[in-house]
PDB file of N, CA and C in Angstrom:
ATOM      1  N   MET A   1      91.268 -63.033 -92.129  1.00  0.00           N
ATOM      2  CA  MET A   1      91.314 -61.234 -92.786  1.00  0.00           C
ATOM      3  C   MET A   1      91.272 -60.819 -93.867  1.00  0.00           C
ATOM      4  N   SER A   2      89.355 -60.578 -94.600  1.00  0.00           N
ATOM      5  CA  SER A   2      88.852 -60.362 -96.002  1.00  0.00           C
ATOM      6  C   SER A   2      90.950 -59.675 -96.518  1.00  0.00           C
ATOM      7  N   GLY A   3      89.942 -60.236 -97.916  1.00  0.00           N
ATOM      8  CA  GLY A   3      90.982 -59.147 -99.294  1.00  0.00           C
ATOM      9  C   GLY A   3      91.607 -58.205 -99.434  1.00  0.00           C
ATOM     10  N   VAL A   4      90.089 -56.535 -98.659  1.00  0.00           N
ATOM     11  CA  VAL A   4      90.748 -55.490 -98.329  1.00  0.00           C
ATOM     12  C   VAL A   4      91.701 -55.399 -96.958  1.00  0.00           C
ATOM     13  N   GLU A   5      91.178 -56.311 -95.965  1.00  0.00           N
ATOM     14  CA  GLU A   5      92.379 -56.226 -94.745  1.00  0.00           C
ATOM     15  C   GLU A   5      93.054 -56.025 -94.986  1.00  0.00           C
ATOM     16  N   HIS A   6      94.365 -57.148 -95.581  1.00  0.00           N
ATOM     17  CA  HIS A   6      95.469 -57.768 -95.764  1.00  0.00           C
ATOM     18  C   HIS A   6      95.496 -57.011 -97.214  1.00  0.00           C
ATOM     19  N   LEU A   7      95.070 -56.382 -98.198  1.00  0.00           N
ATOM     20  CA  LEU A   7      95.383 -55.183 -99.227  1.00  0.00           C
ATOM     21  C   LEU A   7      96.200 -54.376 -97.917  1.00  0.00           C
ATOM     22  N   ASP A   8      95.341 -53.969 -97.160  1.00  0.00           N
ATOM     23  CA  ASP A   8      95.255 -53.174 -96.205  1.00  0.00           C
ATOM     24  C   ASP A   8      96.456 -53.109 -94.847  1.00  0.00           C
ATOM     25  N   ASN A   9      96.950 -53.694 -94.443  1.00  0.00           N
ATOM     26  CA  ASN A   9      97.904 -54.603 -93.912  1.00  0.00           C
ATOM     27  C   ASN A   9      99.228 -54.302 -94.808  1.00  0.00           C
ATOM     28  N   LEU A  10      98.376 -55.035 -96.172  1.00  0.00           N
ATOM     29  CA  LEU A  10     100.322 -54.541 -96.877  1.00  0.00           C
ATOM     30  C   LEU A  10     100.805 -52.945 -96.852  1.00  0.00           C
ATOM     31  N   ILE A  11      99.401 -52.454 -97.299  1.00  0.00           N
ATOM     32  CA  ILE A  11      99.366 -50.779 -97.712  1.00  0.00           C
ATOM     33  C   ILE A  11     100.668 -49.930 -96.124  1.00  0.00           C
ATOM     34  N   ALA A  12     100.034 -50.440 -94.933  1.00  0.00           N
ATOM     35  CA  ALA A  12     100.557 -50.127 -93.768  1.00  0.00           C
ATOM     36  C   ALA A  12     101.684 -50.317 -93.436  1.00  0.00           C
ATOM     37  N   GLN A  13     102.203 -51.482 -93.688  1.00  0.00           N
ATOM     38  CA  GLN A  13     103.612 -52.200 -93.972  1.00  0.00           C
ATOM     39  C   GLN A  13     104.393 -51.400 -94.346  1.00  0.00           C
ATOM     40  N   LEU A  14     104.351 -51.360 -96.212  1.00  0.00           N
ATOM     41  CA  LEU A  14     104.703 -50.594 -97.324  1.00  0.00           C
ATOM     42  C   LEU A  14     105.441 -49.099 -96.357  1.00  0.00           C
ATOM     43  N   GLU A  15     104.125 -48.490 -95.540  1.00  0.00           N
ATOM     44  CA  GLU A  15     104.082 -46.914 -95.415  1.00  0.00           C
ATOM     45  C   GLU A  15     104.878 -46.763 -94.267  1.00  0.00           C
ATOM     46  N   ARG A  16     104.770 -47.506 -93.526  1.00  0.00           N
ATOM     47  CA  ARG A  16     106.007 -47.734 -92.243  1.00  0.00           C
ATOM     48  C   ARG A  16     107.297 -48.158 -92.574  1.00  0.00           C
ATOM     49  N   ALA A  17     108.193 -49.209 -93.724  1.00  0.00           N
ATOM     50  CA  ALA A  17     108.594 -49.487 -94.035  1.00  0.00           C
ATOM     51  C   ALA A  17     109.629 -47.921 -95.277  1.00  0.00           C
ATOM     52  N   ALA A  18     108.703 -46.767 -95.988  1.00  0.00           N
ATOM     53  CA  ALA A  18     109.199 -45.454 -96.489  1.00  0.00           C
ATOM     54  C   ALA A  18     109.317 -44.991 -95.309  1.00  0.00           C
ATOM     55  N   GLU A  19     108.786 -44.865 -94.341  1.00  0.00           N
ATOM     56  CA  GLU A  19     108.746 -43.813 -93.235  1.00  0.00           C
ATOM     57  C   GLU A  19     110.463 -43.843 -92.760  1.00  0.00           C
ATOM     58  N   GLN A  20     110.648 -45.534 -92.073  1.00  0.00           N
ATOM     59  CA  GLN A  20     111.842 -46.006 -91.899  1.00  0.00           C
ATOM     60  C   GLN A  20     113.302 -45.130 -93.053  1.00  0.00           C
ATOM     61  N   LEU A  21     112.764 -45.511 -94.397  1.00  0.00           N
ATOM     62  CA  LEU A  21     113.900 -45.428 -94.693  1.00  0.00           C
ATOM     63  C   LEU A  21     113.943 -43.929 -94.482  1.00  0.00           C
ATOM     64  N   ARG A  22     113.010 -43.496 -95.316  1.00  0.00           N
ATOM     65  CA  ARG A  22     113.376 -41.815 -95.460  1.00  0.00           C
ATOM     66  C   ARG A  22     113.781 -40.805 -93.983  1.00  0.00           C
ATOM     67  N   SER A  23     114.007 -41.509 -93.646  1.00  0.00           N
ATOM     68  CA  SER A  23     114.510 -41.022 -91.638  1.00  0.00           C
ATOM     69  C   SER A  23     115.846 -40.854 -91.856  1.00  0.00           C
ATOM     70  N   GLY A  24     116.531 -42.171 -93.029  1.00  0.00           N
ATOM     71  CA  GLY A  24     118.521 -42.338 -92.686  1.00  0.00           C
ATOM     72  C   GLY A  24     118.844 -42.199 -92.134  1.00  0.00           C
ATOM     73  N   GLU A  25     118.220 -42.861 -90.689  1.00  0.00           N
ATOM     74  CA  GLU A  25     119.032 -43.926 -89.551  1.00  0.00           C
ATOM     75  C   GLU A  25     118.767 -45.124 -90.006  1.00  0.00           C
ATOM     76  N   LEU A  26     118.735 -46.150 -90.999  1.00  0.00           N
ATOM     77  CA  LEU A  26     118.802 -46.848 -91.118  1.00  0.00           C
ATOM     78  C   LEU A  26     120.418 -46.965 -92.019  1.00  0.00           C
ATOM     79  N   SER A  27     121.257 -48.197 -91.688  1.00  0.00           N
ATOM     80  CA  SER A  27     122.352 -48.691 -92.285  1.00  0.00           C
ATOM     81  C   SER A  27     122.186 -48.567 -93.675  1.00  0.00           C
ATOM     82  N   ALA A  28     122.956 -49.071 -94.183  1.00  0.00           N
ATOM     83  CA  ALA A  28     122.816 -48.832 -95.758  1.00  0.00           C
ATOM     84  C   ALA A  28     122.320 -50.670 -96.083  1.00  0.00           C
ATOM     85  N   ASP A  29     123.163 -51.816 -95.534  1.00  0.00           N
ATOM     86  CA  ASP A  29     123.096 -53.179 -95.541  1.00  0.00           C
ATOM     87  C   ASP A  29     121.143 -53.228 -94.895  1.00  0.00           C
ATOM     88  N   VAL A  30     121.102 -52.978 -93.773  1.00  0.00           N
ATOM     89  CA  VAL A  30     119.552 -52.477 -93.271  1.00  0.00           C
ATOM     90  C   VAL A  30     118.412 -52.205 -94.333  1.00  0.00           C
ATOM     91  N   ALA A  31     119.108 -51.120 -95.124  1.00  0.00           N
ATOM     92  CA  ALA A  31     118.120 -50.359 -95.764  1.00  0.00           C
ATOM     93  C   ALA A  31     118.076 -51.119 -96.964  1.00  0.00           C
ATOM     94  N   ALA A  32     119.122 -52.091 -97.458  1.00  0.00           N
ATOM     95  CA  ALA A  32     118.789 -52.546 -98.570  1.00  0.00           C
ATOM     96  C   ALA A  32     118.601 -53.642 -98.129  1.00  0.00           C
ATOM     97  N   THR A  33     118.195 -54.785 -96.880  1.00  0.00           N
ATOM     98  CA  THR A  33     116.865 -54.942 -97.080  1.00  0.00           C
ATOM     99  C   THR A  33     116.108 -55.009 -96.982  1.00  0.00           C
ATOM    100  N   MET A  34     115.623 -53.894 -96.665  1.00  0.00           N
ATOM    101  CA  MET A  34     114.508 -53.447 -96.275  1.00  0.00           C
ATOM    102  C   MET A  34     113.338 -53.072 -97.920  1.00  0.00           C
ATOM    103  N   VAL A  35     114.817 -53.076 -98.837  1.00  0.00           N
ATOM    104  CA  VAL A  35     114.370 -52.966 -99.441  1.00  0.00           C
ATOM    105  C   VAL A  35     113.662 -53.051-101.295  1.00  0.00           C
ATOM    106  N   GLU A  36     114.086 -54.527-100.002  1.00  0.00           N
ATOM    107  CA  GLU A  36     114.134 -55.971-100.863  1.00  0.00           C
ATOM    108  C   GLU A  36     112.927 -56.392 -99.921  1.00  0.00           C
ATOM    109  N   ASP A  37     112.394 -55.977 -99.100  1.00  0.00           N
ATOM    110  CA  ASP A  37     110.972 -56.954 -98.989  1.00  0.00           C
ATOM    111  C   ASP A  37     109.931 -56.074 -98.740  1.00  0.00           C
ATOM    112  N   CYS A  38     110.384 -54.237 -99.173  1.00  0.00           N
ATOM    113  CA  CYS A  38     109.202 -54.048 -99.789  1.00  0.00           C
ATOM    114  C   CYS A  38     109.627 -54.476-100.939  1.00  0.00           C
ATOM    115  N   ALA A  39     109.934 -54.505-102.110  1.00  0.00           N
ATOM    116  CA  ALA A  39     108.938 -55.167-102.977  1.00  0.00           C
ATOM    117  C   ALA A  39     108.485 -56.630-103.023  1.00  0.00           C
ATOM    118  N   ALA A  40     109.002 -57.354-101.672  1.00  0.00           N
ATOM    119  CA  ALA A  40     107.975 -58.182-101.829  1.00  0.00           C
ATOM    120  C   ALA A  40     106.453 -58.068-101.154  1.00  0.00           C
ATOM    121  N   LEU A  41     106.479 -57.121-100.308  1.00  0.00           N
ATOM    122  CA  LEU A  41     105.385 -56.795 -99.922  1.00  0.00           C
ATOM    123  C   LEU A  41     104.141 -55.844-101.188  1.00  0.00           C
ATOM    124  N   ALA A  42     105.129 -54.918-102.377  1.00  0.00           N
ATOM    125  CA  ALA A  42     104.480 -54.317-103.304  1.00  0.00           C
ATOM    126  C   ALA A  42     103.717 -55.350-104.516  1.00  0.00           C
ATOM    127  N   THR A  43     104.500 -56.729-104.798  1.00  0.00           N
ATOM    128  CA  THR A  43     104.165 -57.719-105.230  1.00  0.00           C
ATOM    129  C   THR A  43     102.428 -58.111-104.955  1.00  0.00           C
ATOM    130  N   GLN A  44     102.956 -58.491-103.528  1.00  0.00           N
ATOM    131  CA  GLN A  44     102.002 -59.212-102.177  1.00  0.00           C
ATOM    132  C   GLN A  44     100.563 -58.812-102.833  1.00  0.00           C
ATOM    133  N   ALA A  45     100.803 -56.741-102.463  1.00  0.00           N
ATOM    134  CA  ALA A  45      99.307 -56.306-102.635  1.00  0.00           C
ATOM    135  C   ALA A  45      99.195 -55.828-104.161  1.00  0.00           C
ATOM    136  N   ALA A  46     100.272 -55.792-104.675  1.00  0.00           N
ATOM    137  CA  ALA A  46      99.703 -55.908-106.146  1.00  0.00           C
ATOM    138  C   ALA A  46      98.445 -57.756-106.989  1.00  0.00           C
ATOM    139  N   ALA A  47      98.914 -58.134-106.385  1.00  0.00           N
ATOM    140  CA  ALA A  47      98.090 -60.070-106.462  1.00  0.00           C
ATOM    141  C   ALA A  47      97.005 -59.506-105.455  1.00  0.00           C
ATOM    142  N   GLU A  48      96.653 -59.526-104.270  1.00  0.00           N
ATOM    143  CA  GLU A  48      95.792 -58.612-103.445  1.00  0.00           C
ATOM    144  C   GLU A  48      94.914 -58.357-104.301  1.00  0.00           C
ATOM    145  N   LEU A  49      95.209 -57.933-104.690  1.00  0.00           N
ATOM    146  CA  LEU A  49      94.338 -55.995-106.104  1.00  0.00           C
ATOM    147  C   LEU A  49      93.988 -56.032-106.811  1.00  0.00           C
ATOM    148  N   GLU A  50      94.951 -57.318-107.619  1.00  0.00           N
ATOM    149  CA  GLU A  50      94.455 -58.069-108.550  1.00  0.00           C
ATOM    150  C   GLU A  50      93.287 -59.081-108.049  1.00  0.00           C
ATOM    151  N   GLN A  51      92.941 -59.819-107.410  1.00  0.00           N
ATOM    152  CA  GLN A  51      91.974 -61.387-106.350  1.00  0.00           C
ATOM    153  C   GLN A  51      90.344 -59.930-106.673  1.00  0.00           C
ATOM    154  N   LEU A  52      91.102 -58.529-105.451  1.00  0.00           N
ATOM    155  CA  LEU A  52      89.745 -57.911-105.575  1.00  0.00           C
ATOM    156  C   LEU A  52      89.007 -57.682-106.885  1.00  0.00           C
ATOM    157  N   ALA A  53      90.053 -57.533-106.877  1.00  0.00           N
ATOM    158  CA  ALA A  53      89.368 -56.541-108.888  1.00  0.00           C
ATOM    159  C   ALA A  53      89.133 -57.660-109.444  1.00  0.00           C
ATOM    160  N   LEU A  54      89.078 -59.119-109.404  1.00  0.00           N
ATOM    161  CA  LEU A  54      88.502 -59.848-110.323  1.00  0.00           C
ATOM    162  C   LEU A  54      87.485 -60.678-110.145  1.00  0.00           C
ATOM    163  N   ALA A  55      87.764 -60.255-108.640  1.00  0.00           N
ATOM    164  CA  ALA A  55      86.659 -60.579-107.894  1.00  0.00           C
ATOM    165  C   ALA A  55      85.070 -59.858-107.978  1.00  0.00           C
ATOM    166  N   ASP A  56      85.510 -58.695-108.071  1.00  0.00           N
ATOM    167  CA  ASP A  56      84.455 -57.853-108.546  1.00  0.00           C
ATOM    168  C   ASP A  56      83.741 -57.642-109.865  1.00  0.00           C
ATOM    169  N   LEU A  57      84.750 -58.707-110.786  1.00  0.00           N
ATOM    170  CA  LEU A  57      84.208 -58.341-111.902  1.00  0.00           C
ATOM    171  C   LEU A  57      82.915 -58.913-111.825  1.00  0.00           C
ATOM    172  N   ARG A  58      83.707 -59.929-111.405  1.00  0.00           N
ATOM    173  CA  ARG A  58      82.959 -62.042-111.773  1.00  0.00           C
ATOM    174  C   ARG A  58      81.840 -61.242-110.945  1.00  0.00           C
ATOM    175  N   SER A  59      82.186 -61.127-109.779  1.00  0.00           N
ATOM    176  CA  SER A  59      80.561 -60.074-109.497  1.00  0.00           C
ATOM    177  C   SER A  59      79.196 -59.028-110.620  1.00  0.00           C
ATOM    178  N   ALA A  60      80.134 -58.633-111.310  1.00  0.00           N
ATOM    179  CA  ALA A  60      79.330 -57.658-111.781  1.00  0.00           C
ATOM    180  C   ALA A  60      78.871 -57.838-112.586  1.00  0.00           C
ATOM    181  N   GLU A  61      77.229 -57.783-112.419  1.00  0.00           N
ATOM    182  CA  GLU A  61      76.772 -58.515-113.467  1.00  0.00           C
ATOM    183  C   GLU A  61      76.392 -57.978-115.280  1.00  0.00           C
ATOM    184  N   GLY A  62      75.955 -59.310-115.433  1.00  0.00           N
ATOM    185  CA  GLY A  62      76.476 -60.087-116.645  1.00  0.00           C
ATOM    186  C   GLY A  62      77.614 -60.619-116.848  1.00  0.00           C
ATOM    187  N   PHE A  63      78.378 -61.368-116.358  1.00  0.00           N
ATOM    188  CA  PHE A  63      79.797 -60.448-116.399  1.00  0.00           C
ATOM    189  C   PHE A  63      79.681 -62.500-116.634  1.00  0.00           C
ATOM    190  N   ALA A  64      80.601 -62.679-118.237  1.00  0.00           N
ATOM    191  CA  ALA A  64      81.040 -63.689-118.656  1.00  0.00           C
ATOM    192  C   ALA A  64      82.991 -64.007-119.437  1.00  0.00           C
ATOM    193  N   PRO A  65      83.129 -65.167-119.597  1.00  0.00           N
ATOM    194  CA  PRO A  65      84.159 -64.704-120.101  1.00  0.00           C
ATOM    195  C   PRO A  65      83.956 -64.802-120.812  1.00  0.00           C
ATOM    196  N   ALA A  66      84.525 -64.016-122.139  1.00  0.00           N
ATOM    197  CA  ALA A  66      84.768 -64.688-123.156  1.00  0.00           C
ATOM    198  C   ALA A  66      84.523 -66.002-124.133  1.00  0.00           C
ATOM    199  N   PRO A  67      84.347 -66.198-125.327  1.00  0.00           N
ATOM    200  CA  PRO A  67      84.494 -67.767-125.263  1.00  0.00           C
ATOM    201  C   PRO A  67      85.562 -68.429-125.701  1.00  0.00           C
ATOM    202  N   GLY A  68      86.146 -69.945-124.786  1.00  0.00           N
ATOM    203  CA  GLY A  68      86.886 -69.864-124.808  1.00  0.00           C
ATOM    204  C   GLY A  68      87.805 -69.428-124.150  1.00  0.00           C
ATOM    205  N   GLN A  69      87.597 -68.877-123.427  1.00  0.00           N
ATOM    206  CA  GLN A  69      88.392 -68.044-122.495  1.00  0.00           C
ATOM    207  C   GLN A  69      88.944 -68.580-121.139  1.00  0.00           C
ATOM    208  N   ASP A  70      89.599 -68.715-120.262  1.00  0.00           N
ATOM    209  CA  ASP A  70      89.412 -69.585-119.203  1.00  0.00           C
ATOM    210  C   ASP A  70      89.884 -68.501-118.044  1.00  0.00           C
ATOM    211  N   SER A  71      89.185 -68.159-117.163  1.00  0.00           N
ATOM    212  CA  SER A  71      89.959 -67.203-116.057  1.00  0.00           C
ATOM    213  C   SER A  71      91.257 -68.882-115.153  1.00  0.00           C
ATOM    214  N   LEU A  72      92.674 -67.905-115.492  1.00  0.00           N
ATOM    215  CA  LEU A  72      94.173 -68.554-114.730  1.00  0.00           C
ATOM    216  C   LEU A  72      94.306 -68.757-113.493  1.00  0.00           C
ATOM    217  N   LEU A  73      92.919 -67.873-112.914  1.00  0.00           N
ATOM    218  CA  LEU A  73      92.473 -68.189-111.229  1.00  0.00           C
ATOM    219  C   LEU A  73      91.860 -69.479-110.252  1.00  0.00           C
TER     220      LEU A  73
END
């Protein structure tokens, strides 16, 4: 699965969870667990988006890190 596909999958999961939470049909415990799961999914999505952005930046013509700067990834 490509980075974009993985990001799209994470977004779809977050959207489905949001729909369930908005429905009001979940118990408080299930809703709390779902919110925690959403936080983890959002963290994964942010990391994936950062990776995609860095890949785009690295592929940009003339990109070179500043002297003395190394990539952390």
